[in-house]
Amino acid sequence: MTITDEQLSTWGLTIGLTLFIGYMLFIVWDLARRSKAGRLGTFVLFFVLAFGMFGFMMKSVIQWILGL
């Protein structure tokens, strides 16, 4: 079984970005913990900083649903 360049790129992008987004969420959590942000501050950090990641993920889901 051979893997094409397109398959390797797709899997690498999917797995690599998933790991990278998980790492960024860990960084946001660590930032909230170290700065003693409290519940509201932690919520604001996650909402604002993770909103872009959520938008990127939703773009992929919408493209998959529409078949683009």
PDB file of N, CA and C in Angstrom:
ATOM      1  N   MET A   1       0.849  -1.180   0.000  1.00  0.00           N
ATOM      2  CA  MET A   1       0.000   0.000   0.000  1.00  0.00           C
ATOM      3  C   MET A   1       0.892   1.240   0.000  1.00  0.00           C
ATOM      4  N   THR A   2       0.699   2.080  -0.970  1.00  0.00           N
ATOM      5  CA  THR A   2       1.482   3.309  -1.042  1.00  0.00           C
ATOM      6  C   THR A   2       0.598   4.492  -0.678  1.00  0.00           C
ATOM      7  N   ILE A   3       1.221   5.462  -0.096  1.00  0.00           N
ATOM      8  CA  ILE A   3       0.511   6.677   0.309  1.00  0.00           C
ATOM      9  C   ILE A   3       0.892   7.785  -0.656  1.00  0.00           C
ATOM     10  N   THR A   4      -0.110   8.455  -1.187  1.00  0.00           N
ATOM     11  CA  THR A   4       0.160   9.549  -2.119  1.00  0.00           C
ATOM     12  C   THR A   4       0.537  10.808  -1.353  1.00  0.00           C
ATOM     13  N   ASP A   5       1.076  11.772  -2.057  1.00  0.00           N
ATOM     14  CA  ASP A   5       1.427  13.054  -1.439  1.00  0.00           C
ATOM     15  C   ASP A   5       0.198  13.743  -0.872  1.00  0.00           C
ATOM     16  N   GLU A   6      -0.916  13.650  -1.569  1.00  0.00           N
ATOM     17  CA  GLU A   6      -2.149  14.285  -1.108  1.00  0.00           C
ATOM     18  C   GLU A   6      -2.638  13.661   0.195  1.00  0.00           C
ATOM     19  N   GLN A   7      -2.580  12.329   0.280  1.00  0.00           N
ATOM     20  CA  GLN A   7      -3.003  11.653   1.505  1.00  0.00           C
ATOM     21  C   GLN A   7      -2.088  12.010   2.673  1.00  0.00           C
ATOM     22  N   LEU A   8      -0.797  12.040   2.428  1.00  0.00           N
ATOM     23  CA  LEU A   8       0.162  12.385   3.476  1.00  0.00           C
ATOM     24  C   LEU A   8      -0.059  13.812   3.958  1.00  0.00           C
ATOM     25  N   SER A   9      -0.299  14.728   3.040  1.00  0.00           N
ATOM     26  CA  SER A   9      -0.553  16.122   3.410  1.00  0.00           C
ATOM     27  C   SER A   9      -1.844  16.258   4.211  1.00  0.00           C
ATOM     28  N   THR A  10      -2.881  15.550   3.783  1.00  0.00           N
ATOM     29  CA  THR A  10      -4.165  15.623   4.484  1.00  0.00           C
ATOM     30  C   THR A  10      -4.042  15.084   5.900  1.00  0.00           C
ATOM     31  N   TRP A  11      -3.431  13.919   6.048  1.00  0.00           N
ATOM     32  CA  TRP A  11      -3.264  13.337   7.383  1.00  0.00           C
ATOM     33  C   TRP A  11      -2.322  14.180   8.235  1.00  0.00           C
ATOM     34  N   GLY A  12      -1.245  14.657   7.650  1.00  0.00           N
ATOM     35  CA  GLY A  12      -0.314  15.482   8.404  1.00  0.00           C
ATOM     36  C   GLY A  12      -0.956  16.768   8.886  1.00  0.00           C
ATOM     37  N   LEU A  13      -1.751  17.388   8.018  1.00  0.00           N
ATOM     38  CA  LEU A  13      -2.436  18.619   8.394  1.00  0.00           C
ATOM     39  C   LEU A  13      -3.466  18.347   9.479  1.00  0.00           C
ATOM     40  N   THR A  14      -4.230  17.279   9.327  1.00  0.00           N
ATOM     41  CA  THR A  14      -5.267  16.959  10.303  1.00  0.00           C
ATOM     42  C   THR A  14      -4.677  16.626  11.668  1.00  0.00           C
ATOM     43  N   ILE A  15      -3.731  15.718  11.686  1.00  0.00           N
ATOM     44  CA  ILE A  15      -3.135  15.305  12.965  1.00  0.00           C
ATOM     45  C   ILE A  15      -2.261  16.415  13.543  1.00  0.00           C
ATOM     46  N   GLY A  16      -1.465  17.046  12.690  1.00  0.00           N
ATOM     47  CA  GLY A  16      -0.580  18.109  13.164  1.00  0.00           C
ATOM     48  C   GLY A  16      -1.339  19.293  13.741  1.00  0.00           C
ATOM     49  N   LEU A  17      -2.383  19.724  13.051  1.00  0.00           N
ATOM     50  CA  LEU A  17      -3.162  20.853  13.565  1.00  0.00           C
ATOM     51  C   LEU A  17      -3.929  20.484  14.822  1.00  0.00           C
ATOM     52  N   THR A  18      -4.418  19.255  14.907  1.00  0.00           N
ATOM     53  CA  THR A  18      -5.110  18.825  16.120  1.00  0.00           C
ATOM     54  C   THR A  18      -4.172  18.887  17.319  1.00  0.00           C
ATOM     55  N   LEU A  19      -2.967  18.374  17.149  1.00  0.00           N
ATOM     56  CA  LEU A  19      -1.988  18.430  18.240  1.00  0.00           C
ATOM     57  C   LEU A  19      -1.601  19.867  18.578  1.00  0.00           C
ATOM     58  N   PHE A  20      -1.429  20.690  17.555  1.00  0.00           N
ATOM     59  CA  PHE A  20      -1.048  22.084  17.769  1.00  0.00           C
ATOM     60  C   PHE A  20      -2.153  22.855  18.490  1.00  0.00           C
ATOM     61  N   ILE A  21      -3.406  22.633  18.107  1.00  0.00           N
ATOM     62  CA  ILE A  21      -4.535  23.297  18.770  1.00  0.00           C
ATOM     63  C   ILE A  21      -4.639  22.832  20.220  1.00  0.00           C
ATOM     64  N   GLY A  22      -4.431  21.537  20.457  1.00  0.00           N
ATOM     65  CA  GLY A  22      -4.430  21.039  21.837  1.00  0.00           C
ATOM     66  C   GLY A  22      -3.336  21.686  22.668  1.00  0.00           C
ATOM     67  N   TYR A  23      -2.169  21.854  22.075  1.00  0.00           N
ATOM     68  CA  TYR A  23      -1.060  22.503  22.780  1.00  0.00           C
ATOM     69  C   TYR A  23      -1.384  23.966  23.071  1.00  0.00           C
ATOM     70  N   MET A  24      -2.002  24.649  22.122  1.00  0.00           N
ATOM     71  CA  MET A  24      -2.367  26.055  22.342  1.00  0.00           C
ATOM     72  C   MET A  24      -3.419  26.178  23.448  1.00  0.00           C
ATOM     73  N   LEU A  25      -4.376  25.242  23.501  1.00  0.00           N
ATOM     74  CA  LEU A  25      -5.363  25.267  24.581  1.00  0.00           C
ATOM     75  C   LEU A  25      -4.696  25.032  25.927  1.00  0.00           C
ATOM     76  N   PHE A  26      -3.690  24.157  25.971  1.00  0.00           N
ATOM     77  CA  PHE A  26      -2.921  23.962  27.198  1.00  0.00           C
ATOM     78  C   PHE A  26      -2.209  25.254  27.605  1.00  0.00           C
ATOM     79  N   ILE A  27      -1.648  25.960  26.645  1.00  0.00           N
ATOM     80  CA  ILE A  27      -0.960  27.227  26.936  1.00  0.00           C
ATOM     81  C   ILE A  27      -1.942  28.242  27.511  1.00  0.00           C
ATOM     82  N   VAL A  28      -3.150  28.326  26.953  1.00  0.00           N
ATOM     83  CA  VAL A  28      -4.158  29.261  27.457  1.00  0.00           C
ATOM     84  C   VAL A  28      -4.533  28.884  28.887  1.00  0.00           C
ATOM     85  N   TRP A  29      -4.735  27.587  29.143  1.00  0.00           N
ATOM     86  CA  TRP A  29      -5.074  27.142  30.495  1.00  0.00           C
ATOM     87  C   TRP A  29      -3.945  27.470  31.471  1.00  0.00           C
ATOM     88  N   ASP A  30      -2.699  27.224  31.061  1.00  0.00           N
ATOM     89  CA  ASP A  30      -1.557  27.521  31.918  1.00  0.00           C
ATOM     90  C   ASP A  30      -1.435  29.022  32.176  1.00  0.00           C
ATOM     91  N   LEU A  31      -1.695  29.824  31.162  1.00  0.00           N
ATOM     92  CA  LEU A  31      -1.673  31.279  31.315  1.00  0.00           C
ATOM     93  C   LEU A  31      -2.725  31.730  32.323  1.00  0.00           C
ATOM     94  N   ALA A  32      -3.917  31.169  32.239  1.00  0.00           N
ATOM     95  CA  ALA A  32      -4.983  31.522  33.176  1.00  0.00           C
ATOM     96  C   ALA A  32      -4.617  31.100  34.601  1.00  0.00           C
ATOM     97  N   ARG A  33      -4.034  29.926  34.732  1.00  0.00           N
ATOM     98  CA  ARG A  33      -3.672  29.419  36.057  1.00  0.00           C
ATOM     99  C   ARG A  33      -2.559  30.254  36.680  1.00  0.00           C
ATOM    100  N   ARG A  34      -1.530  30.570  35.907  1.00  0.00           N
ATOM    101  CA  ARG A  34      -0.390  31.320  36.448  1.00  0.00           C
ATOM    102  C   ARG A  34      -0.736  32.770  36.758  1.00  0.00           C
ATOM    103  N   SER A  35      -1.675  33.334  36.008  1.00  0.00           N
ATOM    104  CA  SER A  35      -2.039  34.730  36.253  1.00  0.00           C
ATOM    105  C   SER A  35      -3.151  34.862  37.286  1.00  0.00           C
ATOM    106  N   LYS A  36      -3.617  33.716  37.812  1.00  0.00           N
ATOM    107  CA  LYS A  36      -4.697  33.702  38.804  1.00  0.00           C
ATOM    108  C   LYS A  36      -5.902  34.484  38.281  1.00  0.00           C
ATOM    109  N   ALA A  37      -6.330  34.147  37.087  1.00  0.00           N
ATOM    110  CA  ALA A  37      -7.379  34.894  36.397  1.00  0.00           C
ATOM    111  C   ALA A  37      -8.758  34.691  37.006  1.00  0.00           C
ATOM    112  N   GLY A  38      -8.987  33.631  37.727  1.00  0.00           N
ATOM    113  CA  GLY A  38     -10.311  33.361  38.264  1.00  0.00           C
ATOM    114  C   GLY A  38     -11.209  32.752  37.191  1.00  0.00           C
ATOM    115  N   ARG A  39     -12.463  32.514  37.572  1.00  0.00           N
ATOM    116  CA  ARG A  39     -13.373  31.860  36.630  1.00  0.00           C
ATOM    117  C   ARG A  39     -13.715  32.744  35.439  1.00  0.00           C
ATOM    118  N   LEU A  40     -14.055  33.995  35.693  1.00  0.00           N
ATOM    119  CA  LEU A  40     -14.426  34.894  34.602  1.00  0.00           C
ATOM    120  C   LEU A  40     -13.230  35.165  33.686  1.00  0.00           C
ATOM    121  N   GLY A  41     -12.081  35.412  34.278  1.00  0.00           N
ATOM    122  CA  GLY A  41     -10.881  35.661  33.478  1.00  0.00           C
ATOM    123  C   GLY A  41     -10.486  34.461  32.631  1.00  0.00           C
ATOM    124  N   THR A  42     -10.607  33.272  33.209  1.00  0.00           N
ATOM    125  CA  THR A  42     -10.300  32.056  32.462  1.00  0.00           C
ATOM    126  C   THR A  42     -11.279  31.883  31.315  1.00  0.00           C
ATOM    127  N   PHE A  43     -12.562  32.143  31.578  1.00  0.00           N
ATOM    128  CA  PHE A  43     -13.564  32.053  30.524  1.00  0.00           C
ATOM    129  C   PHE A  43     -13.251  33.026  29.393  1.00  0.00           C
ATOM    130  N   VAL A  44     -12.914  34.260  29.751  1.00  0.00           N
ATOM    131  CA  VAL A  44     -12.609  35.269  28.737  1.00  0.00           C
ATOM    132  C   VAL A  44     -11.382  34.863  27.923  1.00  0.00           C
ATOM    133  N   LEU A  45     -10.347  34.374  28.588  1.00  0.00           N
ATOM    134  CA  LEU A  45      -9.149  33.919  27.875  1.00  0.00           C
ATOM    135  C   LEU A  45      -9.484  32.808  26.890  1.00  0.00           C
ATOM    136  N   PHE A  46     -10.210  31.799  27.353  1.00  0.00           N
ATOM    137  CA  PHE A  46     -10.555  30.693  26.468  1.00  0.00           C
ATOM    138  C   PHE A  46     -11.476  31.153  25.348  1.00  0.00           C
ATOM    139  N   PHE A  47     -12.447  31.997  25.662  1.00  0.00           N
ATOM    140  CA  PHE A  47     -13.389  32.442  24.636  1.00  0.00           C
ATOM    141  C   PHE A  47     -12.675  33.237  23.552  1.00  0.00           C
ATOM    142  N   VAL A  48     -11.874  34.197  23.957  1.00  0.00           N
ATOM    143  CA  VAL A  48     -11.222  35.083  22.990  1.00  0.00           C
ATOM    144  C   VAL A  48     -10.096  34.374  22.238  1.00  0.00           C
ATOM    145  N   LEU A  49      -9.232  33.688  22.962  1.00  0.00           N
ATOM    146  CA  LEU A  49      -8.071  33.083  22.323  1.00  0.00           C
ATOM    147  C   LEU A  49      -8.408  31.797  21.573  1.00  0.00           C
ATOM    148  N   ALA A  50      -9.430  31.082  22.017  1.00  0.00           N
ATOM    149  CA  ALA A  50      -9.801  29.838  21.349  1.00  0.00           C
ATOM    150  C   ALA A  50     -10.844  30.060  20.256  1.00  0.00           C
ATOM    151  N   PHE A  51     -11.400  31.255  20.158  1.00  0.00           N
ATOM    152  CA  PHE A  51     -12.435  31.528  19.158  1.00  0.00           C
ATOM    153  C   PHE A  51     -11.895  31.370  17.739  1.00  0.00           C
ATOM    154  N   GLY A  52     -10.678  31.808  17.493  1.00  0.00           N
ATOM    155  CA  GLY A  52     -10.072  31.663  16.170  1.00  0.00           C
ATOM    156  C   GLY A  52      -9.837  30.212  15.802  1.00  0.00           C
ATOM    157  N   MET A  53      -9.409  29.416  16.784  1.00  0.00           N
ATOM    158  CA  MET A  53      -9.219  27.984  16.537  1.00  0.00           C
ATOM    159  C   MET A  53     -10.551  27.317  16.213  1.00  0.00           C
ATOM    160  N   PHE A  54     -11.583  27.699  16.937  1.00  0.00           N
ATOM    161  CA  PHE A  54     -12.913  27.137  16.689  1.00  0.00           C
ATOM    162  C   PHE A  54     -13.390  27.502  15.285  1.00  0.00           C
ATOM    163  N   GLY A  55     -13.162  28.722  14.870  1.00  0.00           N
ATOM    164  CA  GLY A  55     -13.545  29.149  13.530  1.00  0.00           C
ATOM    165  C   GLY A  55     -12.821  28.359  12.461  1.00  0.00           C
ATOM    166  N   PHE A  56     -11.543  28.089  12.677  1.00  0.00           N
ATOM    167  CA  PHE A  56     -10.772  27.308  11.707  1.00  0.00           C
ATOM    168  C   PHE A  56     -11.319  25.887  11.605  1.00  0.00           C
ATOM    169  N   MET A  57     -11.655  25.292  12.753  1.00  0.00           N
ATOM    170  CA  MET A  57     -12.203  23.940  12.745  1.00  0.00           C
ATOM    171  C   MET A  57     -13.577  23.919  12.084  1.00  0.00           C
ATOM    172  N   MET A  58     -14.399  24.920  12.348  1.00  0.00           N
ATOM    173  CA  MET A  58     -15.735  24.965  11.756  1.00  0.00           C
ATOM    174  C   MET A  58     -15.657  25.140  10.247  1.00  0.00           C
ATOM    175  N   LYS A  59     -14.633  25.836   9.768  1.00  0.00           N
ATOM    176  CA  LYS A  59     -14.460  25.986   8.326  1.00  0.00           C
ATOM    177  C   LYS A  59     -14.292  24.619   7.672  1.00  0.00           C
ATOM    178  N   SER A  60     -13.506  23.773   8.284  1.00  0.00           N
ATOM    179  CA  SER A  60     -13.309  22.423   7.752  1.00  0.00           C
ATOM    180  C   SER A  60     -14.587  21.607   7.803  1.00  0.00           C
ATOM    181  N   VAL A  61     -15.335  21.721   8.890  1.00  0.00           N
ATOM    182  CA  VAL A  61     -16.594  20.980   9.023  1.00  0.00           C
ATOM    183  C   VAL A  61     -17.604  21.452   7.985  1.00  0.00           C
ATOM    184  N   ILE A  62     -17.712  22.751   7.790  1.00  0.00           N
ATOM    185  CA  ILE A  62     -18.661  23.293   6.815  1.00  0.00           C
ATOM    186  C   ILE A  62     -18.275  22.849   5.402  1.00  0.00           C
ATOM    187  N   GLN A  63     -16.989  22.868   5.082  1.00  0.00           N
ATOM    188  CA  GLN A  63     -16.545  22.401   3.777  1.00  0.00           C
ATOM    189  C   GLN A  63     -16.878  20.932   3.584  1.00  0.00           C
ATOM    190  N   TRP A  64     -16.733  20.130   4.636  1.00  0.00           N
ATOM    191  CA  TRP A  64     -17.044  18.700   4.553  1.00  0.00           C
ATOM    192  C   TRP A  64     -18.542  18.493   4.347  1.00  0.00           C
ATOM    193  N   ILE A  65     -19.369  19.261   5.077  1.00  0.00           N
ATOM    194  CA  ILE A  65     -20.826  19.126   4.955  1.00  0.00           C
ATOM    195  C   ILE A  65     -21.289  19.533   3.556  1.00  0.00           C
ATOM    196  N   LEU A  66     -20.750  20.627   3.040  1.00  0.00           N
ATOM    197  CA  LEU A  66     -21.169  21.111   1.716  1.00  0.00           C
ATOM    198  C   LEU A  66     -20.500  20.354   0.578  1.00  0.00           C
ATOM    199  N   GLY A  67     -19.513  19.533   0.898  1.00  0.00           N
ATOM    200  CA  GLY A  67     -18.836  18.752  -0.134  1.00  0.00           C
ATOM    201  C   GLY A  67     -17.895  19.557  -0.997  1.00  0.00           C
ATOM    202  N   LEU A  68     -17.330  20.613  -0.453  1.00  0.00           N
ATOM    203  CA  LEU A  68     -16.410  21.458  -1.217  1.00  0.00           C
ATOM    204  C   LEU A  68     -14.991  20.941  -1.127  1.00  0.00           C
TER     205      LEU A  68
END
